[in-house]
Every structure is written in C-alpha cells, then in structure tokens.
C-alpha cells in the first residue's frame, strides 16, 4: 500500500518538468530579443508607419500697400488771348447810312468793287458813294452845294466838290474817293461832309442851309508788308 505522503510530491515534480520548456523558451526569447512572427517587435512585423507631417512653407509676407499717388495738379488753363476786333464798315463790300436832313432823311450808300480781305495798310482802296434825300412830301427843292471827304489822321483831303446838285427824289449825288495808304495802321476813318440847301416851301425860292456829317471806317485784314531796314552803303 502506497504511502500517501510520498504520492503528492511525485505529481508536483511532473508539473514542474513540463513547465520548464515553456519557461525556458520565454526566457530565451526575452534574452535574445527575438519576437514571435506576427507580433510587433524589432524583428517581427513592422510597426505601423507614422506619417510625417508635411513641411509647411510659410507664406511670404505681403508687402505693404504703397500709399496712393497724389492726384496730379490740374494743368493751368491758359488765359484766352484777346482778339483785337478791327472795325471795317465795308467788310461785306457795302453799307448804307441814314442821316437826318431838315425833316427828311439823307441816305448815303457806300460800296467798293475790290476784295476787302486783301486790303492792307499800304493799300489805296477806291470807295464809291451815292447820296439822296427821301421823305419829302412836297415839291421843295433839296440840293447839295458842297461835298467834302478827308482823312484827319493823315491830314489828307480826298474830295472837295462844290456846286448845285439836286438830290431830291428821284435825283441823287454820286462820287468816289481814293483812300491813301496808312502805314502802321489797322484801319482808316474817312469823314464826309454834305452841305445841303433845302427850300422852305414849294416854289418859294428861299433855302435853308444844313451841314450833315458822316464817317466810314475801313479795316485792313491783310498783314502789312514789312519795310526793309536801310542798309549802309559799302565802304
């Protein structure tokens, strides 16, 4: 009969015997640093890759916005150059003046057949005229006894006609004058004088005298011809 005190140790030794190989294997694996295939470790399956953070390039700093350029100063506006107006009563080639004469009207027509645009201060234009009295309701006689034309600026008399010239409708008095050159001027003023005799009543033979004056200005559009300066005689 077996002694129960000796049976238990035997069974205990058997367990230890079977456990030693597993313990030895675990010890070897731990010492050698190996790993079981399929398990993560230095020689096992690779560890999950860790994504590297992408390098971030810093955005360039925005350059400061330059201040707006100042608005350009407005260009100076040139002052208009005054245009000198040259008077010319014959700019259209003719003109007509109405003058009071003893309760009637003395109508004087002036004209020229020349091109007034070509007149210059050196020109000698010809001016024609015709004078008549209108408005007389009866048969009184009206006549011109003297006609005078002059240019005071030149101290020149252009015409001085005397006589008895009937100018009552339908009669008229006609004449023409030549205007001398006026160097350095842009216009010339002509003064006309009419001495009238007007009968006081029909067939009375008594007359009253009246002087009627008129003026006409002609302008020069063409530039004056430059006068060459005198040159000294060669030595």
C-alpha atoms as a PDB file:
ATOM      1  CA  UNK A   1       0.000   0.000   0.000  1.00  0.00           C
ATOM      2  CA  UNK A   2       1.343   3.246  -1.035  1.00  0.00           C
ATOM      3  CA  UNK A   3       2.169   5.864   1.489  1.00  0.00           C
ATOM      4  CA  UNK A   4       0.077   8.996   0.677  1.00  0.00           C
ATOM      5  CA  UNK A   5       2.835  11.293   1.926  1.00  0.00           C
ATOM      6  CA  UNK A   6       5.123  10.207  -0.960  1.00  0.00           C
ATOM      7  CA  UNK A   7       2.492  10.372  -3.820  1.00  0.00           C
ATOM      8  CA  UNK A   8       1.890  14.128  -3.841  1.00  0.00           C
ATOM      9  CA  UNK A   9       5.496  15.194  -4.367  1.00  0.00           C
ATOM     10  CA  UNK A  10       5.773  12.975  -7.417  1.00  0.00           C
ATOM     11  CA  UNK A  11       2.860  14.587  -9.138  1.00  0.00           C
ATOM     12  CA  UNK A  12       4.301  18.005  -8.327  1.00  0.00           C
ATOM     13  CA  UNK A  13       7.590  17.184  -9.925  1.00  0.00           C
ATOM     14  CA  UNK A  14       5.912  16.134 -13.123  1.00  0.00           C
ATOM     15  CA  UNK A  15       4.220  19.547 -13.500  1.00  0.00           C
ATOM     16  CA  UNK A  16       7.435  21.327 -12.971  1.00  0.00           C
ATOM     17  CA  UNK A  17       9.078  19.149 -15.579  1.00  0.00           C
ATOM     18  CA  UNK A  18       6.504  20.025 -18.251  1.00  0.00           C
ATOM     19  CA  UNK A  19       6.556  23.720 -17.400  1.00  0.00           C
ATOM     20  CA  UNK A  20      10.306  24.076 -17.684  1.00  0.00           C
ATOM     21  CA  UNK A  21      10.480  24.008 -21.511  1.00  0.00           C
ATOM     22  CA  UNK A  22       7.909  26.776 -21.878  1.00  0.00           C
ATOM     23  CA  UNK A  23       9.607  28.870 -19.275  1.00  0.00           C
ATOM     24  CA  UNK A  24      12.949  28.282 -20.905  1.00  0.00           C
ATOM     25  CA  UNK A  25      11.575  29.312 -24.292  1.00  0.00           C
ATOM     26  CA  UNK A  26      10.118  32.531 -22.884  1.00  0.00           C
ATOM     27  CA  UNK A  27      13.388  33.255 -21.147  1.00  0.00           C
ATOM     28  CA  UNK A  28      15.381  32.675 -24.328  1.00  0.00           C
ATOM     29  CA  UNK A  29      13.089  34.868 -26.322  1.00  0.00           C
ATOM     30  CA  UNK A  30      13.296  37.633 -23.793  1.00  0.00           C
ATOM     31  CA  UNK A  31      17.089  37.440 -23.576  1.00  0.00           C
ATOM     32  CA  UNK A  32      17.720  37.147 -27.291  1.00  0.00           C
ATOM     33  CA  UNK A  33      15.361  39.983 -28.160  1.00  0.00           C
ATOM     34  CA  UNK A  34      13.505  37.944 -30.739  1.00  0.00           C
ATOM     35  CA  UNK A  35       9.816  38.093 -31.296  1.00  0.00           C
ATOM     36  CA  UNK A  36       7.231  35.756 -32.431  1.00  0.00           C
ATOM     37  CA  UNK A  37       6.286  36.157 -36.062  1.00  0.00           C
ATOM     38  CA  UNK A  38       3.144  38.161 -36.452  1.00  0.00           C
ATOM     39  CA  UNK A  39       3.768  40.163 -33.283  1.00  0.00           C
ATOM     40  CA  UNK A  40       5.202  43.654 -33.357  1.00  0.00           C
ATOM     41  CA  UNK A  41       8.794  43.894 -32.328  1.00  0.00           C
ATOM     42  CA  UNK A  42      12.296  44.575 -33.545  1.00  0.00           C
ATOM     43  CA  UNK A  43      12.304  41.510 -35.810  1.00  0.00           C
ATOM     44  CA  UNK A  44       8.581  40.949 -36.147  1.00  0.00           C
ATOM     45  CA  UNK A  45       6.059  42.682 -38.275  1.00  0.00           C
ATOM     46  CA  UNK A  46       6.860  46.303 -38.886  1.00  0.00           C
ATOM     47  CA  UNK A  47       5.230  48.820 -36.625  1.00  0.00           C
ATOM     48  CA  UNK A  48       2.553  50.945 -38.164  1.00  0.00           C
ATOM     49  CA  UNK A  49       4.128  53.742 -40.161  1.00  0.00           C
ATOM     50  CA  UNK A  50       3.757  57.165 -38.666  1.00  0.00           C
ATOM     51  CA  UNK A  51       3.032  59.776 -41.235  1.00  0.00           C
ATOM     52  CA  UNK A  52       5.487  62.591 -41.187  1.00  0.00           C
ATOM     53  CA  UNK A  53       3.964  65.972 -41.104  1.00  0.00           C
ATOM     54  CA  UNK A  54       4.372  67.641 -44.463  1.00  0.00           C
ATOM     55  CA  UNK A  55       6.771  70.512 -44.376  1.00  0.00           C
ATOM     56  CA  UNK A  56       4.762  73.732 -44.408  1.00  0.00           C
ATOM     57  CA  UNK A  57       6.338  76.557 -46.353  1.00  0.00           C
ATOM     58  CA  UNK A  58       5.459  79.790 -44.647  1.00  0.00           C
ATOM     59  CA  UNK A  59       3.525  82.137 -46.907  1.00  0.00           C
ATOM     60  CA  UNK A  60       5.556  85.151 -47.901  1.00  0.00           C
ATOM     61  CA  UNK A  61       4.622  88.216 -46.028  1.00  0.00           C
ATOM     62  CA  UNK A  62       2.516  90.565 -48.113  1.00  0.00           C
ATOM     63  CA  UNK A  63       4.365  93.705 -48.975  1.00  0.00           C
ATOM     64  CA  UNK A  64       2.775  96.787 -47.535  1.00  0.00           C
ATOM     65  CA  UNK A  65       0.448  98.550 -49.946  1.00  0.00           C
ATOM     66  CA  UNK A  66       2.060 101.799 -51.035  1.00  0.00           C
ATOM     67  CA  UNK A  67       0.015 104.886 -50.346  1.00  0.00           C
ATOM     68  CA  UNK A  68      -1.984 106.133 -53.331  1.00  0.00           C
ATOM     69  CA  UNK A  69      -0.126 108.546 -55.537  1.00  0.00           C
ATOM     70  CA  UNK A  70      -1.320 112.098 -55.143  1.00  0.00           C
ATOM     71  CA  UNK A  71      -3.654 113.291 -57.858  1.00  0.00           C
ATOM     72  CA  UNK A  72      -1.820 115.309 -60.483  1.00  0.00           C
ATOM     73  CA  UNK A  73      -2.300 119.008 -60.225  1.00  0.00           C
ATOM     74  CA  UNK A  74      -4.691 120.321 -62.863  1.00  0.00           C
ATOM     75  CA  UNK A  75      -2.947 121.768 -65.845  1.00  0.00           C
ATOM     76  CA  UNK A  76      -3.072 125.536 -65.831  1.00  0.00           C
ATOM     77  CA  UNK A  77      -5.668 126.890 -68.177  1.00  0.00           C
ATOM     78  CA  UNK A  78      -4.099 129.487 -70.408  1.00  0.00           C
ATOM     79  CA  UNK A  79      -5.846 132.775 -70.378  1.00  0.00           C
ATOM     80  CA  UNK A  80      -7.576 133.464 -73.657  1.00  0.00           C
ATOM     81  CA  UNK A  81      -5.665 135.817 -75.841  1.00  0.00           C
ATOM     82  CA  UNK A  82      -7.869 138.785 -76.561  1.00  0.00           C
ATOM     83  CA  UNK A  83      -8.630 139.082 -80.216  1.00  0.00           C
ATOM     84  CA  UNK A  84      -8.439 142.590 -81.468  1.00  0.00           C
ATOM     85  CA  UNK A  85     -11.519 143.444 -83.457  1.00  0.00           C
ATOM     86  CA  UNK A  86     -10.671 145.612 -86.413  1.00  0.00           C
ATOM     87  CA  UNK A  87     -13.624 147.747 -87.462  1.00  0.00           C
ATOM     88  CA  UNK A  88     -14.494 147.641 -91.123  1.00  0.00           C
ATOM     89  CA  UNK A  89     -17.766 149.140 -92.332  1.00  0.00           C
ATOM     90  CA  UNK A  90     -17.142 147.613 -95.750  1.00  0.00           C
ATOM     91  CA  UNK A  91     -16.356 144.089 -94.549  1.00  0.00           C
ATOM     92  CA  UNK A  92     -19.313 142.871 -96.646  1.00  0.00           C
ATOM     93  CA  UNK A  93     -18.429 145.130 -99.565  1.00  0.00           C
ATOM     94  CA  UNK A  94     -21.139 147.755 -98.934  1.00  0.00           C
ATOM     95  CA  UNK A  95     -23.091 149.621 -96.278  1.00  0.00           C
ATOM     96  CA  UNK A  96     -25.848 152.219 -96.040  1.00  0.00           C
ATOM     97  CA  UNK A  97     -26.249 155.116 -93.589  1.00  0.00           C
ATOM     98  CA  UNK A  98     -29.397 157.130 -92.871  1.00  0.00           C
ATOM     99  CA  UNK A  99     -28.897 160.720 -91.644  1.00  0.00           C
ATOM    100  CA  UNK A 100     -31.438 163.340 -90.591  1.00  0.00           C
ATOM    101  CA  UNK A 101     -31.730 166.287 -93.010  1.00  0.00           C
ATOM    102  CA  UNK A 102     -34.281 169.105 -92.483  1.00  0.00           C
ATOM    103  CA  UNK A 103     -37.111 166.784 -91.514  1.00  0.00           C
ATOM    104  CA  UNK A 104     -36.127 164.318 -94.210  1.00  0.00           C
ATOM    105  CA  UNK A 105     -33.560 161.532 -94.460  1.00  0.00           C
ATOM    106  CA  UNK A 106     -30.277 161.701 -96.316  1.00  0.00           C
ATOM    107  CA  UNK A 107     -29.449 158.145 -97.404  1.00  0.00           C
ATOM    108  CA  UNK A 108     -25.806 157.545 -98.274  1.00  0.00           C
ATOM    109  CA  UNK A 109     -24.778 154.225 -99.829  1.00  0.00           C
ATOM    110  CA  UNK A 110     -21.075 153.239 -99.745  1.00  0.00           C
ATOM    111  CA  UNK A 111     -19.519 150.316-101.621  1.00  0.00           C
ATOM    112  CA  UNK A 112     -16.384 149.012-103.255  1.00  0.00           C
ATOM    113  CA  UNK A 113     -15.777 146.557-106.074  1.00  0.00           C
ATOM    114  CA  UNK A 114     -12.494 145.410-104.530  1.00  0.00           C
ATOM    115  CA  UNK A 115     -11.831 142.428-102.272  1.00  0.00           C
ATOM    116  CA  UNK A 116     -11.666 143.994 -98.827  1.00  0.00           C
ATOM    117  CA  UNK A 117      -9.855 140.921 -97.426  1.00  0.00           C
ATOM    118  CA  UNK A 118      -6.784 141.911 -99.421  1.00  0.00           C
ATOM    119  CA  UNK A 119      -6.595 145.442 -98.065  1.00  0.00           C
ATOM    120  CA  UNK A 120      -3.549 146.279 -96.027  1.00  0.00           C
ATOM    121  CA  UNK A 121      -2.197 149.497 -94.565  1.00  0.00           C
ATOM    122  CA  UNK A 122      -0.301 150.049 -97.812  1.00  0.00           C
ATOM    123  CA  UNK A 123      -3.424 149.655 -99.974  1.00  0.00           C
ATOM    124  CA  UNK A 124      -5.196 152.547-101.698  1.00  0.00           C
ATOM    125  CA  UNK A 125      -8.797 151.313-101.942  1.00  0.00           C
ATOM    126  CA  UNK A 126     -11.421 153.113-104.004  1.00  0.00           C
ATOM    127  CA  UNK A 127     -14.687 153.896-102.195  1.00  0.00           C
ATOM    128  CA  UNK A 128     -17.802 154.825-104.155  1.00  0.00           C
ATOM    129  CA  UNK A 129     -20.884 156.531-102.740  1.00  0.00           C
ATOM    130  CA  UNK A 130     -24.331 157.734-103.677  1.00  0.00           C
ATOM    131  CA  UNK A 131     -26.486 160.216-101.669  1.00  0.00           C
ATOM    132  CA  UNK A 132     -30.174 161.073-101.971  1.00  0.00           C
ATOM    133  CA  UNK A 133     -32.945 162.589 -99.839  1.00  0.00           C
ATOM    134  CA  UNK A 134     -36.096 160.608 -99.099  1.00  0.00           C
ATOM    135  CA  UNK A 135     -39.215 161.512 -97.144  1.00  0.00           C
ATOM    136  CA  UNK A 136     -40.097 164.865 -98.754  1.00  0.00           C
ATOM    137  CA  UNK A 137     -43.869 165.031 -99.257  1.00  0.00           C
ATOM    138  CA  UNK A 138     -43.949 168.148-101.415  1.00  0.00           C
ATOM    139  CA  UNK A 139     -42.105 169.699-104.328  1.00  0.00           C
ATOM    140  CA  UNK A 140     -39.458 171.572-102.341  1.00  0.00           C
ATOM    141  CA  UNK A 141     -36.040 171.649-103.926  1.00  0.00           C
ATOM    142  CA  UNK A 142     -33.201 169.986-101.984  1.00  0.00           C
ATOM    143  CA  UNK A 143     -29.653 170.128-103.240  1.00  0.00           C
ATOM    144  CA  UNK A 144     -26.023 169.634-102.228  1.00  0.00           C
ATOM    145  CA  UNK A 145     -23.766 172.643-102.540  1.00  0.00           C
ATOM    146  CA  UNK A 146     -20.578 171.032-101.199  1.00  0.00           C
ATOM    147  CA  UNK A 147     -19.276 167.551-100.719  1.00  0.00           C
ATOM    148  CA  UNK A 148     -16.037 167.001 -98.806  1.00  0.00           C
ATOM    149  CA  UNK A 149     -14.125 163.838 -97.832  1.00  0.00           C
ATOM    150  CA  UNK A 150     -10.976 163.794 -95.713  1.00  0.00           C
ATOM    151  CA  UNK A 151      -8.775 161.571 -93.503  1.00  0.00           C
ATOM    152  CA  UNK A 152      -7.885 163.540 -90.417  1.00  0.00           C
ATOM    153  CA  UNK A 153      -5.227 161.039 -89.273  1.00  0.00           C
ATOM    154  CA  UNK A 154      -3.324 161.697 -92.495  1.00  0.00           C
ATOM    155  CA  UNK A 155      -4.321 165.352 -92.811  1.00  0.00           C
ATOM    156  CA  UNK A 156      -5.453 164.460 -96.311  1.00  0.00           C
ATOM    157  CA  UNK A 157      -8.408 165.820 -98.312  1.00  0.00           C
ATOM    158  CA  UNK A 158      -9.817 163.173-100.608  1.00  0.00           C
ATOM    159  CA  UNK A 159     -12.542 165.261-102.292  1.00  0.00           C
ATOM    160  CA  UNK A 160     -13.980 168.792-102.156  1.00  0.00           C
ATOM    161  CA  UNK A 161     -16.778 169.213-104.665  1.00  0.00           C
ATOM    162  CA  UNK A 162     -18.890 172.395-104.805  1.00  0.00           C
ATOM    163  CA  UNK A 163     -21.930 173.325-106.932  1.00  0.00           C
ATOM    164  CA  UNK A 164     -25.711 172.955-107.001  1.00  0.00           C
ATOM    165  CA  UNK A 165     -26.527 169.260-107.148  1.00  0.00           C
ATOM    166  CA  UNK A 166     -30.171 168.236-106.852  1.00  0.00           C
ATOM    167  CA  UNK A 167     -30.648 165.233-104.597  1.00  0.00           C
ATOM    168  CA  UNK A 168     -34.425 165.245-104.132  1.00  0.00           C
ATOM    169  CA  UNK A 169     -36.182 162.086-105.277  1.00  0.00           C
ATOM    170  CA  UNK A 170     -35.569 160.796-107.936  1.00  0.00           C
ATOM    171  CA  UNK A 171     -32.211 162.610-108.136  1.00  0.00           C
ATOM    172  CA  UNK A 172     -29.031 161.557-106.310  1.00  0.00           C
ATOM    173  CA  UNK A 173     -25.451 162.666-105.913  1.00  0.00           C
ATOM    174  CA  UNK A 174     -22.622 160.205-106.691  1.00  0.00           C
ATOM    175  CA  UNK A 175     -18.874 160.404-106.181  1.00  0.00           C
ATOM    176  CA  UNK A 176     -15.798 158.250-105.480  1.00  0.00           C
ATOM    177  CA  UNK A 177     -12.687 158.710-103.366  1.00  0.00           C
ATOM    178  CA  UNK A 178      -9.299 157.026-103.231  1.00  0.00           C
ATOM    179  CA  UNK A 179      -8.112 156.300 -99.703  1.00  0.00           C
ATOM    180  CA  UNK A 180      -4.340 156.698 -99.406  1.00  0.00           C
ATOM    181  CA  UNK A 181      -2.156 154.128 -97.660  1.00  0.00           C
ATOM    182  CA  UNK A 182      -1.899 154.425 -93.919  1.00  0.00           C
ATOM    183  CA  UNK A 183       1.371 152.697 -92.830  1.00  0.00           C
ATOM    184  CA  UNK A 184       1.293 151.171 -89.376  1.00  0.00           C
ATOM    185  CA  UNK A 185      -2.498 151.450 -89.023  1.00  0.00           C
ATOM    186  CA  UNK A 186      -5.067 148.669 -88.876  1.00  0.00           C
ATOM    187  CA  UNK A 187      -7.903 150.907 -90.090  1.00  0.00           C
ATOM    188  CA  UNK A 188      -8.611 154.314 -91.572  1.00  0.00           C
ATOM    189  CA  UNK A 189     -11.517 156.591 -90.740  1.00  0.00           C
ATOM    190  CA  UNK A 190     -12.905 158.825 -93.500  1.00  0.00           C
ATOM    191  CA  UNK A 191     -15.051 161.871 -92.658  1.00  0.00           C
ATOM    192  CA  UNK A 192     -17.684 163.035 -95.168  1.00  0.00           C
ATOM    193  CA  UNK A 193     -19.373 166.445 -95.152  1.00  0.00           C
ATOM    194  CA  UNK A 194     -22.552 167.322 -97.053  1.00  0.00           C
ATOM    195  CA  UNK A 195     -23.729 170.957 -97.223  1.00  0.00           C
ATOM    196  CA  UNK A 196     -27.436 170.951 -98.055  1.00  0.00           C
ATOM    197  CA  UNK A 197     -29.810 173.686 -99.217  1.00  0.00           C
ATOM    198  CA  UNK A 198     -33.483 172.943 -98.609  1.00  0.00           C
ATOM    199  CA  UNK A 199     -36.268 175.131 -99.985  1.00  0.00           C
ATOM    200  CA  UNK A 200     -38.570 176.408 -97.247  1.00  0.00           C
ATOM    201  CA  UNK A 201     -41.671 175.633 -99.315  1.00  0.00           C
ATOM    202  CA  UNK A 202     -42.643 174.695-102.810  1.00  0.00           C
ATOM    203  CA  UNK A 203     -41.601 177.372-105.308  1.00  0.00           C
ATOM    204  CA  UNK A 204     -40.586 179.888-102.635  1.00  0.00           C
ATOM    205  CA  UNK A 205     -37.016 180.179-103.847  1.00  0.00           C
ATOM    206  CA  UNK A 206     -35.898 180.563-100.225  1.00  0.00           C
ATOM    207  CA  UNK A 207     -33.485 177.998 -98.852  1.00  0.00           C
ATOM    208  CA  UNK A 208     -32.134 176.910 -95.517  1.00  0.00           C
ATOM    209  CA  UNK A 209     -28.629 175.569 -95.179  1.00  0.00           C
ATOM    210  CA  UNK A 210     -27.682 172.470 -93.193  1.00  0.00           C
ATOM    211  CA  UNK A 211     -24.378 170.629 -92.815  1.00  0.00           C
ATOM    212  CA  UNK A 212     -24.638 166.861 -92.434  1.00  0.00           C
ATOM    213  CA  UNK A 213     -21.558 164.848 -91.491  1.00  0.00           C
ATOM    214  CA  UNK A 214     -20.911 161.131 -91.725  1.00  0.00           C
ATOM    215  CA  UNK A 215     -17.936 158.815 -91.301  1.00  0.00           C
ATOM    216  CA  UNK A 216     -16.808 155.478 -92.673  1.00  0.00           C
ATOM    217  CA  UNK A 217     -14.104 153.206 -91.264  1.00  0.00           C
ATOM    218  CA  UNK A 218     -12.282 150.706 -93.427  1.00  0.00           C
ATOM    219  CA  UNK A 219     -10.155 147.972 -91.868  1.00  0.00           C
ATOM    220  CA  UNK A 220      -7.093 146.141 -93.104  1.00  0.00           C
ATOM    221  CA  UNK A 221      -7.235 142.357 -92.907  1.00  0.00           C
ATOM    222  CA  UNK A 222      -4.044 141.543 -94.767  1.00  0.00           C
ATOM    223  CA  UNK A 223      -0.758 141.900 -92.852  1.00  0.00           C
ATOM    224  CA  UNK A 224       1.317 144.902 -93.666  1.00  0.00           C
ATOM    225  CA  UNK A 225       4.311 144.393 -95.899  1.00  0.00           C
ATOM    226  CA  UNK A 226       7.449 144.638 -93.751  1.00  0.00           C
ATOM    227  CA  UNK A 227       9.560 147.625 -94.625  1.00  0.00           C
ATOM    228  CA  UNK A 228      13.201 146.589 -95.091  1.00  0.00           C
ATOM    229  CA  UNK A 229      15.591 148.431 -92.841  1.00  0.00           C
ATOM    230  CA  UNK A 230      18.012 150.683 -94.698  1.00  0.00           C
ATOM    231  CA  UNK A 231      21.451 149.215 -95.159  1.00  0.00           C
ATOM    232  CA  UNK A 232      24.577 151.282 -95.043  1.00  0.00           C
ATOM    233  CA  UNK A 233      26.490 151.709 -98.251  1.00  0.00           C
ATOM    234  CA  UNK A 234      29.606 149.556 -98.523  1.00  0.00           C
ATOM    235  CA  UNK A 235      32.800 151.334 -97.543  1.00  0.00           C
END
